[in-house]
């Protein structure tokens, strides 16, 4: 059974940092690209970042230079380090793999 569980959301002031974690199970983690998406009420879920099997990364323009995605295949975890956070980064952040989605974790950035 595929499971993706996110950790690390919370409330932070603008300019601050948060680190999200996603624990994966039920599939061969090292054989899958992993990513992060986010969603705010009334809007479509939007792409944030992706990391390939080999560790190549790609980011949405809105987070480039501020967010860093990484993975630890030994722990079956993917991370999203978020720095210089802005109020517009507020939303529910979802861990993604081709096998499914996590349940999401709320990130709120106050101005």
C-alpha atoms as a PDB file:
ATOM      1  CA  UNK A   1       0.000   0.000   0.000  1.00  0.00           C
ATOM      2  CA  UNK A   2       1.480   3.293  -1.142  1.00  0.00           C
ATOM      3  CA  UNK A   3       1.766   5.924   1.570  1.00  0.00           C
ATOM      4  CA  UNK A   4       3.176   9.438   1.440  1.00  0.00           C
ATOM      5  CA  UNK A   5       3.124  11.325   4.743  1.00  0.00           C
ATOM      6  CA  UNK A   6       4.197  14.950   4.996  1.00  0.00           C
ATOM      7  CA  UNK A   7       5.709  16.599   8.073  1.00  0.00           C
ATOM      8  CA  UNK A   8       6.978  20.035   8.967  1.00  0.00           C
ATOM      9  CA  UNK A   9       4.306  22.508   8.027  1.00  0.00           C
ATOM     10  CA  UNK A  10       3.403  25.381  10.302  1.00  0.00           C
ATOM     11  CA  UNK A  11       3.173  29.105  10.788  1.00  0.00           C
ATOM     12  CA  UNK A  12       6.173  31.295  10.035  1.00  0.00           C
ATOM     13  CA  UNK A  13       6.802  34.987   9.528  1.00  0.00           C
ATOM     14  CA  UNK A  14       7.733  36.341   6.142  1.00  0.00           C
ATOM     15  CA  UNK A  15      11.446  35.933   5.546  1.00  0.00           C
ATOM     16  CA  UNK A  16      11.579  32.818   7.680  1.00  0.00           C
ATOM     17  CA  UNK A  17      12.284  29.191   6.812  1.00  0.00           C
ATOM     18  CA  UNK A  18      10.580  25.826   7.056  1.00  0.00           C
ATOM     19  CA  UNK A  19      11.647  22.339   6.103  1.00  0.00           C
ATOM     20  CA  UNK A  20       9.044  19.902   4.873  1.00  0.00           C
ATOM     21  CA  UNK A  21       9.617  16.159   4.912  1.00  0.00           C
ATOM     22  CA  UNK A  22       7.743  13.394   3.156  1.00  0.00           C
ATOM     23  CA  UNK A  23       8.052   9.791   4.310  1.00  0.00           C
ATOM     24  CA  UNK A  24       7.297   7.276   1.550  1.00  0.00           C
ATOM     25  CA  UNK A  25       6.431   3.601   1.813  1.00  0.00           C
ATOM     26  CA  UNK A  26       4.811   0.859  -0.218  1.00  0.00           C
ATOM     27  CA  UNK A  27       6.905   1.265  -3.363  1.00  0.00           C
ATOM     28  CA  UNK A  28      10.529   1.328  -4.462  1.00  0.00           C
ATOM     29  CA  UNK A  29      11.375   4.897  -3.532  1.00  0.00           C
ATOM     30  CA  UNK A  30      14.737   5.028  -5.295  1.00  0.00           C
ATOM     31  CA  UNK A  31      13.088   4.094  -8.620  1.00  0.00           C
ATOM     32  CA  UNK A  32      10.728   7.058  -8.622  1.00  0.00           C
ATOM     33  CA  UNK A  33      10.916  10.777  -9.162  1.00  0.00           C
ATOM     34  CA  UNK A  34       9.457  12.752  -6.274  1.00  0.00           C
ATOM     35  CA  UNK A  35       7.978  16.215  -6.071  1.00  0.00           C
ATOM     36  CA  UNK A  36       6.097  18.866  -4.187  1.00  0.00           C
ATOM     37  CA  UNK A  37       2.953  20.743  -5.141  1.00  0.00           C
ATOM     38  CA  UNK A  38       0.884  23.311  -3.278  1.00  0.00           C
ATOM     39  CA  UNK A  39      -2.682  24.523  -3.282  1.00  0.00           C
ATOM     40  CA  UNK A  40      -4.620  27.438  -1.860  1.00  0.00           C
ATOM     41  CA  UNK A  41      -8.409  27.477  -1.507  1.00  0.00           C
ATOM     42  CA  UNK A  42     -10.142  28.326  -4.759  1.00  0.00           C
ATOM     43  CA  UNK A  43      -7.086  27.685  -6.893  1.00  0.00           C
ATOM     44  CA  UNK A  44      -5.704  24.707  -8.742  1.00  0.00           C
ATOM     45  CA  UNK A  45      -2.909  22.689  -7.249  1.00  0.00           C
ATOM     46  CA  UNK A  46       0.369  24.064  -8.590  1.00  0.00           C
ATOM     47  CA  UNK A  47       3.760  22.565  -9.189  1.00  0.00           C
ATOM     48  CA  UNK A  48       6.592  23.565  -6.854  1.00  0.00           C
ATOM     49  CA  UNK A  49       9.579  21.272  -7.415  1.00  0.00           C
ATOM     50  CA  UNK A  50      10.648  17.850  -8.589  1.00  0.00           C
ATOM     51  CA  UNK A  51      13.701  15.656  -8.087  1.00  0.00           C
ATOM     52  CA  UNK A  52      14.551  12.842 -10.464  1.00  0.00           C
ATOM     53  CA  UNK A  53      15.816   9.372  -9.698  1.00  0.00           C
ATOM     54  CA  UNK A  54      19.331  10.615 -10.337  1.00  0.00           C
ATOM     55  CA  UNK A  55      18.958  13.734  -8.210  1.00  0.00           C
ATOM     56  CA  UNK A  56      18.335  16.305 -10.927  1.00  0.00           C
ATOM     57  CA  UNK A  57      16.035  19.060  -9.746  1.00  0.00           C
ATOM     58  CA  UNK A  58      13.595  21.497 -11.274  1.00  0.00           C
ATOM     59  CA  UNK A  59      11.637  24.341  -9.698  1.00  0.00           C
ATOM     60  CA  UNK A  60       8.714  26.584 -10.425  1.00  0.00           C
ATOM     61  CA  UNK A  61       9.894  30.085 -11.262  1.00  0.00           C
ATOM     62  CA  UNK A  62       8.091  31.429  -8.205  1.00  0.00           C
ATOM     63  CA  UNK A  63      10.309  29.459  -5.795  1.00  0.00           C
ATOM     64  CA  UNK A  64      13.574  29.228  -7.713  1.00  0.00           C
ATOM     65  CA  UNK A  65      16.505  30.372  -5.589  1.00  0.00           C
ATOM     66  CA  UNK A  66      14.509  30.122  -2.358  1.00  0.00           C
ATOM     67  CA  UNK A  67      13.414  26.469  -2.157  1.00  0.00           C
ATOM     68  CA  UNK A  68      15.571  23.354  -2.356  1.00  0.00           C
ATOM     69  CA  UNK A  69      14.286  19.846  -2.929  1.00  0.00           C
ATOM     70  CA  UNK A  70      16.391  16.858  -1.887  1.00  0.00           C
ATOM     71  CA  UNK A  71      15.996  13.154  -1.283  1.00  0.00           C
ATOM     72  CA  UNK A  72      17.439  10.478   0.973  1.00  0.00           C
ATOM     73  CA  UNK A  73      16.947   7.091  -0.647  1.00  0.00           C
ATOM     74  CA  UNK A  74      18.246   5.263   2.439  1.00  0.00           C
ATOM     75  CA  UNK A  75      15.414   6.785   4.493  1.00  0.00           C
ATOM     76  CA  UNK A  76      12.769   6.854   1.738  1.00  0.00           C
ATOM     77  CA  UNK A  77      12.311  10.551   2.307  1.00  0.00           C
ATOM     78  CA  UNK A  78      12.060  13.664   0.197  1.00  0.00           C
ATOM     79  CA  UNK A  79      12.530  17.138   1.627  1.00  0.00           C
ATOM     80  CA  UNK A  80      11.668  20.696   0.720  1.00  0.00           C
ATOM     81  CA  UNK A  81      13.786  23.372   2.350  1.00  0.00           C
ATOM     82  CA  UNK A  82      11.951  26.675   2.067  1.00  0.00           C
ATOM     83  CA  UNK A  83      13.846  29.894   2.755  1.00  0.00           C
ATOM     84  CA  UNK A  84      12.927  33.575   2.415  1.00  0.00           C
ATOM     85  CA  UNK A  85       9.280  32.633   2.678  1.00  0.00           C
ATOM     86  CA  UNK A  86       6.646  35.044   1.409  1.00  0.00           C
ATOM     87  CA  UNK A  87       2.939  35.335   2.270  1.00  0.00           C
ATOM     88  CA  UNK A  88       2.131  34.087  -1.232  1.00  0.00           C
ATOM     89  CA  UNK A  89       3.856  30.797  -0.348  1.00  0.00           C
ATOM     90  CA  UNK A  90       0.963  30.052   1.989  1.00  0.00           C
ATOM     91  CA  UNK A  91      -0.949  26.907   1.099  1.00  0.00           C
ATOM     92  CA  UNK A  92      -1.281  23.187   1.611  1.00  0.00           C
ATOM     93  CA  UNK A  93       1.863  21.448   0.418  1.00  0.00           C
ATOM     94  CA  UNK A  94       1.535  17.978  -1.061  1.00  0.00           C
ATOM     95  CA  UNK A  95       4.174  15.347  -1.599  1.00  0.00           C
ATOM     96  CA  UNK A  96       3.903  13.709  -5.019  1.00  0.00           C
ATOM     97  CA  UNK A  97       5.104  10.574  -6.699  1.00  0.00           C
ATOM     98  CA  UNK A  98       3.801   8.776  -9.765  1.00  0.00           C
ATOM     99  CA  UNK A  99       2.372   6.279  -7.269  1.00  0.00           C
ATOM    100  CA  UNK A 100       0.168   8.802  -5.512  1.00  0.00           C
ATOM    101  CA  UNK A 101      -0.182  11.861  -3.276  1.00  0.00           C
ATOM    102  CA  UNK A 102       0.273  12.647   0.372  1.00  0.00           C
ATOM    103  CA  UNK A 103      -2.479  14.137   2.498  1.00  0.00           C
ATOM    104  CA  UNK A 104      -0.869  17.563   2.598  1.00  0.00           C
ATOM    105  CA  UNK A 105       0.598  19.819   5.273  1.00  0.00           C
ATOM    106  CA  UNK A 106      -0.399  23.429   5.871  1.00  0.00           C
ATOM    107  CA  UNK A 107       2.179  26.190   5.486  1.00  0.00           C
ATOM    108  CA  UNK A 108       1.137  29.673   6.563  1.00  0.00           C
ATOM    109  CA  UNK A 109       3.417  32.671   6.065  1.00  0.00           C
ATOM    110  CA  UNK A 110       2.378  35.806   7.917  1.00  0.00           C
ATOM    111  CA  UNK A 111       3.306  39.265   6.712  1.00  0.00           C
END
